[in-house]
Amino acid sequence: MITEPPYYDNVHYSELSNFFYVWLARLTRHPGFQGDLVPTEGEAVVNKGQGKDESEYLRLLTAVFRECHRVLKAEGRLIFTFHHTNPRA
């Protein structure tokens, strides 16, 4: 399993994705495009505009790694990379 965790407060993927989401929602009937914008509840990010602070980021990221541990086979490996200029991240 290879993953790259979310970028703390550096990249707000859901906000960037809204640009494409609104157009894709008009072109498909896929159930993933039911809302007006990209759902942000499960996004692990520090984003003051969404009311998500560092504790929320830590909680969500911890849940991600717990799920990785749960599904990873005993002989499996988890490889992740994380690149950020902010030492708080």
PDB file of N, CA and C in Angstrom:
ATOM      1  N   MET A   1       0.853  -1.156   0.000  1.00  0.00           N
ATOM      2  CA  MET A   1       0.000   0.000   0.000  1.00  0.00           C
ATOM      3  C   MET A   1       0.909   1.231   0.000  1.00  0.00           C
ATOM      4  N   ILE A   2       0.674   2.131  -0.897  1.00  0.00           N
ATOM      5  CA  ILE A   2       1.438   3.370  -0.976  1.00  0.00           C
ATOM      6  C   ILE A   2       0.467   4.534  -0.879  1.00  0.00           C
ATOM      7  N   THR A   3       0.786   5.480  -0.029  1.00  0.00           N
ATOM      8  CA  THR A   3      -0.095   6.629   0.134  1.00  0.00           C
ATOM      9  C   THR A   3       0.723   7.887   0.392  1.00  0.00           C
ATOM     10  N   GLU A   4       0.095   8.987   0.154  1.00  0.00           N
ATOM     11  CA  GLU A   4       0.677  10.277   0.474  1.00  0.00           C
ATOM     12  C   GLU A   4      -0.384  11.039   1.261  1.00  0.00           C
ATOM     13  N   PRO A   5      -0.125  11.319   2.532  1.00  0.00           N
ATOM     14  CA  PRO A   5      -1.148  11.978   3.358  1.00  0.00           C
ATOM     15  C   PRO A   5      -1.500  13.367   2.842  1.00  0.00           C
ATOM     16  N   PRO A   6      -2.642  13.874   3.264  1.00  0.00           N
ATOM     17  CA  PRO A   6      -3.027  15.238   2.892  1.00  0.00           C
ATOM     18  C   PRO A   6      -2.009  16.260   3.397  1.00  0.00           C
ATOM     19  N   TYR A   7      -1.992  17.399   2.790  1.00  0.00           N
ATOM     20  CA  TYR A   7      -0.961  18.400   3.038  1.00  0.00           C
ATOM     21  C   TYR A   7      -1.298  19.422   4.115  1.00  0.00           C
ATOM     22  N   TYR A   8      -1.824  18.985   5.228  1.00  0.00           N
ATOM     23  CA  TYR A   8      -2.054  19.866   6.371  1.00  0.00           C
ATOM     24  C   TYR A   8      -2.876  21.082   5.943  1.00  0.00           C
ATOM     25  N   ASP A   9      -2.265  22.230   5.753  1.00  0.00           N
ATOM     26  CA  ASP A   9      -3.010  23.427   5.343  1.00  0.00           C
ATOM     27  C   ASP A   9      -2.542  23.956   3.992  1.00  0.00           C
ATOM     28  N   ASN A  10      -1.777  23.154   3.267  1.00  0.00           N
ATOM     29  CA  ASN A  10      -1.129  23.627   2.045  1.00  0.00           C
ATOM     30  C   ASN A  10      -2.019  23.502   0.808  1.00  0.00           C
ATOM     31  N   VAL A  11      -2.696  22.392   0.645  1.00  0.00           N
ATOM     32  CA  VAL A  11      -3.530  22.166  -0.533  1.00  0.00           C
ATOM     33  C   VAL A  11      -4.923  21.771  -0.066  1.00  0.00           C
ATOM     34  N   HIS A  12      -5.914  22.547  -0.453  1.00  0.00           N
ATOM     35  CA  HIS A  12      -7.304  22.249  -0.115  1.00  0.00           C
ATOM     36  C   HIS A  12      -7.946  21.591  -1.339  1.00  0.00           C
ATOM     37  N   TYR A  13      -7.791  20.273  -1.400  1.00  0.00           N
ATOM     38  CA  TYR A  13      -8.219  19.527  -2.580  1.00  0.00           C
ATOM     39  C   TYR A  13      -9.700  19.708  -2.896  1.00  0.00           C
ATOM     40  N   SER A  14     -10.538  19.691  -1.874  1.00  0.00           N
ATOM     41  CA  SER A  14     -11.973  19.796  -2.155  1.00  0.00           C
ATOM     42  C   SER A  14     -12.309  21.144  -2.795  1.00  0.00           C
ATOM     43  N   GLU A  15     -11.676  22.200  -2.326  1.00  0.00           N
ATOM     44  CA  GLU A  15     -11.953  23.511  -2.911  1.00  0.00           C
ATOM     45  C   GLU A  15     -11.448  23.585  -4.353  1.00  0.00           C
ATOM     46  N   LEU A  16     -10.289  23.004  -4.610  1.00  0.00           N
ATOM     47  CA  LEU A  16      -9.775  22.961  -5.987  1.00  0.00           C
ATOM     48  C   LEU A  16     -10.664  22.097  -6.881  1.00  0.00           C
ATOM     49  N   SER A  17     -11.170  21.014  -6.318  1.00  0.00           N
ATOM     50  CA  SER A  17     -11.995  20.088  -7.094  1.00  0.00           C
ATOM     51  C   SER A  17     -13.355  20.656  -7.458  1.00  0.00           C
ATOM     52  N   ASN A  18     -13.840  21.630  -6.710  1.00  0.00           N
ATOM     53  CA  ASN A  18     -15.155  22.207  -7.012  1.00  0.00           C
ATOM     54  C   ASN A  18     -15.224  22.777  -8.418  1.00  0.00           C
ATOM     55  N   PHE A  19     -14.113  23.279  -8.913  1.00  0.00           N
ATOM     56  CA  PHE A  19     -14.092  23.818 -10.274  1.00  0.00           C
ATOM     57  C   PHE A  19     -14.525  22.760 -11.289  1.00  0.00           C
ATOM     58  N   PHE A  20     -14.004  21.543 -11.141  1.00  0.00           N
ATOM     59  CA  PHE A  20     -14.329  20.456 -12.067  1.00  0.00           C
ATOM     60  C   PHE A  20     -15.639  19.769 -11.691  1.00  0.00           C
ATOM     61  N   TYR A  21     -15.907  19.694 -10.389  1.00  0.00           N
ATOM     62  CA  TYR A  21     -17.069  18.981  -9.890  1.00  0.00           C
ATOM     63  C   TYR A  21     -18.369  19.520 -10.481  1.00  0.00           C
ATOM     64  N   VAL A  22     -18.522  20.825 -10.494  1.00  0.00           N
ATOM     65  CA  VAL A  22     -19.782  21.401 -10.974  1.00  0.00           C
ATOM     66  C   VAL A  22     -20.025  21.058 -12.440  1.00  0.00           C
ATOM     67  N   TRP A  23     -18.965  20.966 -13.233  1.00  0.00           N
ATOM     68  CA  TRP A  23     -19.126  20.610 -14.646  1.00  0.00           C
ATOM     69  C   TRP A  23     -19.376  19.114 -14.804  1.00  0.00           C
ATOM     70  N   LEU A  24     -18.650  18.299 -14.069  1.00  0.00           N
ATOM     71  CA  LEU A  24     -18.845  16.852 -14.146  1.00  0.00           C
ATOM     72  C   LEU A  24     -20.235  16.453 -13.669  1.00  0.00           C
ATOM     73  N   ALA A  25     -20.738  17.140 -12.657  1.00  0.00           N
ATOM     74  CA  ALA A  25     -22.074  16.830 -12.142  1.00  0.00           C
ATOM     75  C   ALA A  25     -23.143  17.033 -13.214  1.00  0.00           C
ATOM     76  N   ARG A  26     -22.911  17.956 -14.116  1.00  0.00           N
ATOM     77  CA  ARG A  26     -23.878  18.198 -15.199  1.00  0.00           C
ATOM     78  C   ARG A  26     -23.798  17.134 -16.289  1.00  0.00           C
ATOM     79  N   LEU A  27     -22.678  16.424 -16.352  1.00  0.00           N
ATOM     80  CA  LEU A  27     -22.449  15.454 -17.429  1.00  0.00           C
ATOM     81  C   LEU A  27     -22.702  14.009 -17.031  1.00  0.00           C
ATOM     82  N   THR A  28     -22.961  13.753 -15.745  1.00  0.00           N
ATOM     83  CA  THR A  28     -23.126  12.375 -15.295  1.00  0.00           C
ATOM     84  C   THR A  28     -24.278  12.270 -14.309  1.00  0.00           C
ATOM     85  N   ARG A  29     -24.772  11.074 -14.179  1.00  0.00           N
ATOM     86  CA  ARG A  29     -25.800  10.785 -13.174  1.00  0.00           C
ATOM     87  C   ARG A  29     -25.215   9.920 -12.053  1.00  0.00           C
ATOM     88  N   HIS A  30     -23.912   9.860 -11.979  1.00  0.00           N
ATOM     89  CA  HIS A  30     -23.246   9.056 -10.960  1.00  0.00           C
ATOM     90  C   HIS A  30     -23.643   9.540  -9.567  1.00  0.00           C
ATOM     91  N   PRO A  31     -23.913   8.621  -8.627  1.00  0.00           N
ATOM     92  CA  PRO A  31     -24.354   9.026  -7.283  1.00  0.00           C
ATOM     93  C   PRO A  31     -23.319   9.846  -6.518  1.00  0.00           C
ATOM     94  N   GLY A  32     -22.070   9.806  -6.926  1.00  0.00           N
ATOM     95  CA  GLY A  32     -21.043  10.603  -6.274  1.00  0.00           C
ATOM     96  C   GLY A  32     -21.158  12.092  -6.549  1.00  0.00           C
ATOM     97  N   PHE A  33     -22.056  12.445  -7.470  1.00  0.00           N
ATOM     98  CA  PHE A  33     -22.224  13.849  -7.846  1.00  0.00           C
ATOM     99  C   PHE A  33     -23.615  14.363  -7.485  1.00  0.00           C
ATOM    100  N   GLN A  34     -24.103  14.016  -6.314  1.00  0.00           N
ATOM    101  CA  GLN A  34     -25.448  14.417  -5.913  1.00  0.00           C
ATOM    102  C   GLN A  34     -25.494  15.824  -5.318  1.00  0.00           C
ATOM    103  N   GLY A  35     -24.462  16.220  -4.616  1.00  0.00           N
ATOM    104  CA  GLY A  35     -24.455  17.537  -3.971  1.00  0.00           C
ATOM    105  C   GLY A  35     -24.072  18.630  -4.952  1.00  0.00           C
ATOM    106  N   ASP A  36     -24.194  19.868  -4.499  1.00  0.00           N
ATOM    107  CA  ASP A  36     -23.818  21.008  -5.337  1.00  0.00           C
ATOM    108  C   ASP A  36     -22.311  21.180  -5.434  1.00  0.00           C
ATOM    109  N   LEU A  37     -21.595  20.774  -4.374  1.00  0.00           N
ATOM    110  CA  LEU A  37     -20.134  20.920  -4.325  1.00  0.00           C
ATOM    111  C   LEU A  37     -19.515  19.643  -3.774  1.00  0.00           C
ATOM    112  N   VAL A  38     -18.209  19.557  -3.845  1.00  0.00           N
ATOM    113  CA  VAL A  38     -17.470  18.411  -3.312  1.00  0.00           C
ATOM    114  C   VAL A  38     -17.714  18.316  -1.811  1.00  0.00           C
ATOM    115  N   PRO A  39     -18.054  17.128  -1.307  1.00  0.00           N
ATOM    116  CA  PRO A  39     -18.229  16.992   0.140  1.00  0.00           C
ATOM    117  C   PRO A  39     -16.890  17.191   0.870  1.00  0.00           C
ATOM    118  N   THR A  40     -16.904  17.932   1.963  1.00  0.00           N
ATOM    119  CA  THR A  40     -15.671  18.255   2.666  1.00  0.00           C
ATOM    120  C   THR A  40     -15.587  17.644   4.066  1.00  0.00           C
ATOM    121  N   GLU A  41     -16.639  16.985   4.510  1.00  0.00           N
ATOM    122  CA  GLU A  41     -16.675  16.488   5.885  1.00  0.00           C
ATOM    123  C   GLU A  41     -15.503  15.564   6.195  1.00  0.00           C
ATOM    124  N   GLY A  42     -15.153  14.674   5.286  1.00  0.00           N
ATOM    125  CA  GLY A  42     -14.113  13.694   5.541  1.00  0.00           C
ATOM    126  C   GLY A  42     -12.734  14.105   5.075  1.00  0.00           C
ATOM    127  N   GLU A  43     -12.575  15.329   4.617  1.00  0.00           N
ATOM    128  CA  GLU A  43     -11.272  15.770   4.115  1.00  0.00           C
ATOM    129  C   GLU A  43     -10.350  16.135   5.277  1.00  0.00           C
ATOM    130  N   ALA A  44      -9.212  15.477   5.335  1.00  0.00           N
ATOM    131  CA  ALA A  44      -8.224  15.755   6.381  1.00  0.00           C
ATOM    132  C   ALA A  44      -7.393  16.951   5.949  1.00  0.00           C
ATOM    133  N   VAL A  45      -7.715  18.112   6.508  1.00  0.00           N
ATOM    134  CA  VAL A  45      -7.038  19.343   6.125  1.00  0.00           C
ATOM    135  C   VAL A  45      -7.228  20.366   7.245  1.00  0.00           C
ATOM    136  N   VAL A  46      -6.267  21.241   7.404  1.00  0.00           N
ATOM    137  CA  VAL A  46      -6.442  22.392   8.294  1.00  0.00           C
ATOM    138  C   VAL A  46      -6.940  23.527   7.414  1.00  0.00           C
ATOM    139  N   ASN A  47      -8.183  23.959   7.644  1.00  0.00           N
ATOM    140  CA  ASN A  47      -8.803  24.961   6.799  1.00  0.00           C
ATOM    141  C   ASN A  47      -9.743  25.800   7.661  1.00  0.00           C
ATOM    142  N   LYS A  48      -9.309  26.977   8.017  1.00  0.00           N
ATOM    143  CA  LYS A  48     -10.111  27.841   8.888  1.00  0.00           C
ATOM    144  C   LYS A  48     -11.465  28.168   8.266  1.00  0.00           C
ATOM    145  N   GLY A  49     -11.507  28.304   6.952  1.00  0.00           N
ATOM    146  CA  GLY A  49     -12.762  28.607   6.268  1.00  0.00           C
ATOM    147  C   GLY A  49     -13.795  27.512   6.416  1.00  0.00           C
ATOM    148  N   GLN A  50     -13.355  26.278   6.593  1.00  0.00           N
ATOM    149  CA  GLN A  50     -14.263  25.149   6.801  1.00  0.00           C
ATOM    150  C   GLN A  50     -14.423  24.820   8.278  1.00  0.00           C
ATOM    151  N   GLY A  51     -13.772  25.597   9.136  1.00  0.00           N
ATOM    152  CA  GLY A  51     -13.852  25.329  10.566  1.00  0.00           C
ATOM    153  C   GLY A  51     -13.051  24.117  10.993  1.00  0.00           C
ATOM    154  N   LYS A  52     -12.036  23.759  10.233  1.00  0.00           N
ATOM    155  CA  LYS A  52     -11.214  22.587  10.549  1.00  0.00           C
ATOM    156  C   LYS A  52      -9.858  23.041  11.075  1.00  0.00           C
ATOM    157  N   ASP A  53      -9.602  22.672  12.314  1.00  0.00           N
ATOM    158  CA  ASP A  53      -8.341  23.059  12.925  1.00  0.00           C
ATOM    159  C   ASP A  53      -7.374  21.876  12.956  1.00  0.00           C
ATOM    160  N   GLU A  54      -6.256  22.093  13.624  1.00  0.00           N
ATOM    161  CA  GLU A  54      -5.222  21.066  13.665  1.00  0.00           C
ATOM    162  C   GLU A  54      -5.696  19.791  14.358  1.00  0.00           C
ATOM    163  N   SER A  55      -6.526  19.916  15.379  1.00  0.00           N
ATOM    164  CA  SER A  55      -7.016  18.724  16.084  1.00  0.00           C
ATOM    165  C   SER A  55      -7.914  17.882  15.178  1.00  0.00           C
ATOM    166  N   GLU A  56      -8.714  18.530  14.350  1.00  0.00           N
ATOM    167  CA  GLU A  56      -9.563  17.805  13.394  1.00  0.00           C
ATOM    168  C   GLU A  56      -8.704  17.085  12.360  1.00  0.00           C
ATOM    169  N   TYR A  57      -7.670  17.758  11.872  1.00  0.00           N
ATOM    170  CA  TYR A  57      -6.734  17.148  10.922  1.00  0.00           C
ATOM    171  C   TYR A  57      -6.087  15.912  11.535  1.00  0.00           C
ATOM    172  N   LEU A  58      -5.622  16.047  12.758  1.00  0.00           N
ATOM    173  CA  LEU A  58      -4.974  14.932  13.443  1.00  0.00           C
ATOM    174  C   LEU A  58      -5.944  13.771  13.647  1.00  0.00           C
ATOM    175  N   ARG A  59      -7.180  14.082  14.022  1.00  0.00           N
ATOM    176  CA  ARG A  59      -8.190  13.034  14.222  1.00  0.00           C
ATOM    177  C   ARG A  59      -8.458  12.271  12.931  1.00  0.00           C
ATOM    178  N   LEU A  60      -8.642  13.004  11.832  1.00  0.00           N
ATOM    179  CA  LEU A  60      -8.936  12.356  10.557  1.00  0.00           C
ATOM    180  C   LEU A  60      -7.729  11.586  10.017  1.00  0.00           C
ATOM    181  N   LEU A  61      -6.554  12.150  10.140  1.00  0.00           N
ATOM    182  CA  LEU A  61      -5.366  11.464   9.656  1.00  0.00           C
ATOM    183  C   LEU A  61      -5.085  10.204  10.478  1.00  0.00           C
ATOM    184  N   THR A  62      -5.326  10.270  11.776  1.00  0.00           N
ATOM    185  CA  THR A  62      -5.182   9.093  12.626  1.00  0.00           C
ATOM    186  C   THR A  62      -6.150   8.002  12.192  1.00  0.00           C
ATOM    187  N   ALA A  63      -7.369   8.387  11.867  1.00  0.00           N
ATOM    188  CA  ALA A  63      -8.359   7.414  11.397  1.00  0.00           C
ATOM    189  C   ALA A  63      -7.909   6.765  10.085  1.00  0.00           C
ATOM    190  N   VAL A  64      -7.283   7.544   9.217  1.00  0.00           N
ATOM    191  CA  VAL A  64      -6.782   7.000   7.949  1.00  0.00           C
ATOM    192  C   VAL A  64      -5.722   5.938   8.219  1.00  0.00           C
ATOM    193  N   PHE A  65      -4.762   6.243   9.093  1.00  0.00           N
ATOM    194  CA  PHE A  65      -3.698   5.284   9.372  1.00  0.00           C
ATOM    195  C   PHE A  65      -4.209   4.069  10.144  1.00  0.00           C
ATOM    196  N   ARG A  66      -5.199   4.246  10.979  1.00  0.00           N
ATOM    197  CA  ARG A  66      -5.806   3.086  11.653  1.00  0.00           C
ATOM    198  C   ARG A  66      -6.471   2.159  10.637  1.00  0.00           C
ATOM    199  N   GLU A  67      -7.146   2.741   9.659  1.00  0.00           N
ATOM    200  CA  GLU A  67      -7.780   1.927   8.622  1.00  0.00           C
ATOM    201  C   GLU A  67      -6.728   1.218   7.767  1.00  0.00           C
ATOM    202  N   CYS A  68      -5.640   1.902   7.467  1.00  0.00           N
ATOM    203  CA  CYS A  68      -4.535   1.259   6.741  1.00  0.00           C
ATOM    204  C   CYS A  68      -4.023   0.067   7.532  1.00  0.00           C
ATOM    205  N   HIS A  69      -3.844   0.232   8.834  1.00  0.00           N
ATOM    206  CA  HIS A  69      -3.377  -0.861   9.688  1.00  0.00           C
ATOM    207  C   HIS A  69      -4.374  -2.012   9.694  1.00  0.00           C
ATOM    208  N   ARG A  70      -5.648  -1.674   9.721  1.00  0.00           N
ATOM    209  CA  ARG A  70      -6.690  -2.712   9.762  1.00  0.00           C
ATOM    210  C   ARG A  70      -6.691  -3.569   8.506  1.00  0.00           C
ATOM    211  N   VAL A  71      -6.537  -2.962   7.342  1.00  0.00           N
ATOM    212  CA  VAL A  71      -6.659  -3.714   6.092  1.00  0.00           C
ATOM    213  C   VAL A  71      -5.330  -4.269   5.574  1.00  0.00           C
ATOM    214  N   LEU A  72      -4.229  -3.809   6.117  1.00  0.00           N
ATOM    215  CA  LEU A  72      -2.929  -4.274   5.656  1.00  0.00           C
ATOM    216  C   LEU A  72      -2.668  -5.678   6.184  1.00  0.00           C
ATOM    217  N   LYS A  73      -2.254  -6.567   5.303  1.00  0.00           N
ATOM    218  CA  LYS A  73      -1.931  -7.932   5.703  1.00  0.00           C
ATOM    219  C   LYS A  73      -0.691  -7.923   6.589  1.00  0.00           C
ATOM    220  N   ALA A  74      -0.552  -8.961   7.417  1.00  0.00           N
ATOM    221  CA  ALA A  74       0.564  -9.033   8.366  1.00  0.00           C
ATOM    222  C   ALA A  74       1.914  -8.902   7.673  1.00  0.00           C
ATOM    223  N   GLU A  75       2.048  -9.476   6.482  1.00  0.00           N
ATOM    224  CA  GLU A  75       3.318  -9.397   5.752  1.00  0.00           C
ATOM    225  C   GLU A  75       3.371  -8.182   4.825  1.00  0.00           C
ATOM    226  N   GLY A  76       2.316  -7.379   4.846  1.00  0.00           N
ATOM    227  CA  GLY A  76       2.235  -6.215   3.973  1.00  0.00           C
ATOM    228  C   GLY A  76       3.089  -5.060   4.474  1.00  0.00           C
ATOM    229  N   ARG A  77       3.214  -4.072   3.637  1.00  0.00           N
ATOM    230  CA  ARG A  77       3.978  -2.878   3.984  1.00  0.00           C
ATOM    231  C   ARG A  77       3.160  -1.643   3.646  1.00  0.00           C
ATOM    232  N   LEU A  78       3.329  -0.645   4.457  1.00  0.00           N
ATOM    233  CA  LEU A  78       2.719   0.656   4.200  1.00  0.00           C
ATOM    234  C   LEU A  78       3.857   1.619   3.918  1.00  0.00           C
ATOM    235  N   ILE A  79       3.818   2.235   2.768  1.00  0.00           N
ATOM    236  CA  ILE A  79       4.831   3.214   2.387  1.00  0.00           C
ATOM    237  C   ILE A  79       4.116   4.540   2.175  1.00  0.00           C
ATOM    238  N   PHE A  80       4.592   5.563   2.840  1.00  0.00           N
ATOM    239  CA  PHE A  80       3.978   6.871   2.628  1.00  0.00           C
ATOM    240  C   PHE A  80       5.060   7.924   2.514  1.00  0.00           C
ATOM    241  N   THR A  81       4.720   8.963   1.793  1.00  0.00           N
ATOM    242  CA  THR A  81       5.602  10.119   1.677  1.00  0.00           C
ATOM    243  C   THR A  81       4.825  11.336   2.140  1.00  0.00           C
ATOM    244  N   PHE A  82       5.536  12.292   2.658  1.00  0.00           N
ATOM    245  CA  PHE A  82       4.893  13.512   3.124  1.00  0.00           C
ATOM    246  C   PHE A  82       5.882  14.650   2.936  1.00  0.00           C
ATOM    247  N   HIS A  83       5.491  15.651   2.197  1.00  0.00           N
ATOM    248  CA  HIS A  83       6.369  16.776   1.895  1.00  0.00           C
ATOM    249  C   HIS A  83       5.648  18.068   2.262  1.00  0.00           C
ATOM    250  N   HIS A  84       6.238  18.812   3.168  1.00  0.00           N
ATOM    251  CA  HIS A  84       5.622  20.060   3.581  1.00  0.00           C
ATOM    252  C   HIS A  84       6.707  20.983   4.116  1.00  0.00           C
ATOM    253  N   THR A  85       6.553  22.263   3.900  1.00  0.00           N
ATOM    254  CA  THR A  85       7.548  23.220   4.376  1.00  0.00           C
ATOM    255  C   THR A  85       7.281  23.684   5.800  1.00  0.00           C
ATOM    256  N   ASN A  86       6.073  23.458   6.304  1.00  0.00           N
ATOM    257  CA  ASN A  86       5.697  23.882   7.649  1.00  0.00           C
ATOM    258  C   ASN A  86       6.028  22.770   8.642  1.00  0.00           C
ATOM    259  N   PRO A  87       6.901  23.009   9.620  1.00  0.00           N
ATOM    260  CA  PRO A  87       7.235  21.966  10.582  1.00  0.00           C
ATOM    261  C   PRO A  87       6.037  21.518  11.437  1.00  0.00           C
ATOM    262  N   ARG A  88       4.993  22.337  11.583  1.00  0.00           N
ATOM    263  CA  ARG A  88       3.788  21.931  12.320  1.00  0.00           C
ATOM    264  C   ARG A  88       3.087  20.765  11.633  1.00  0.00           C
ATOM    265  N   ALA A  89       3.213  20.692  10.341  1.00  0.00           N
ATOM    266  CA  ALA A  89       2.555  19.634   9.579  1.00  0.00           C
ATOM    267  C   ALA A  89       3.132  18.287   9.967  1.00  0.00           C
TER     268      ALA A  89
END
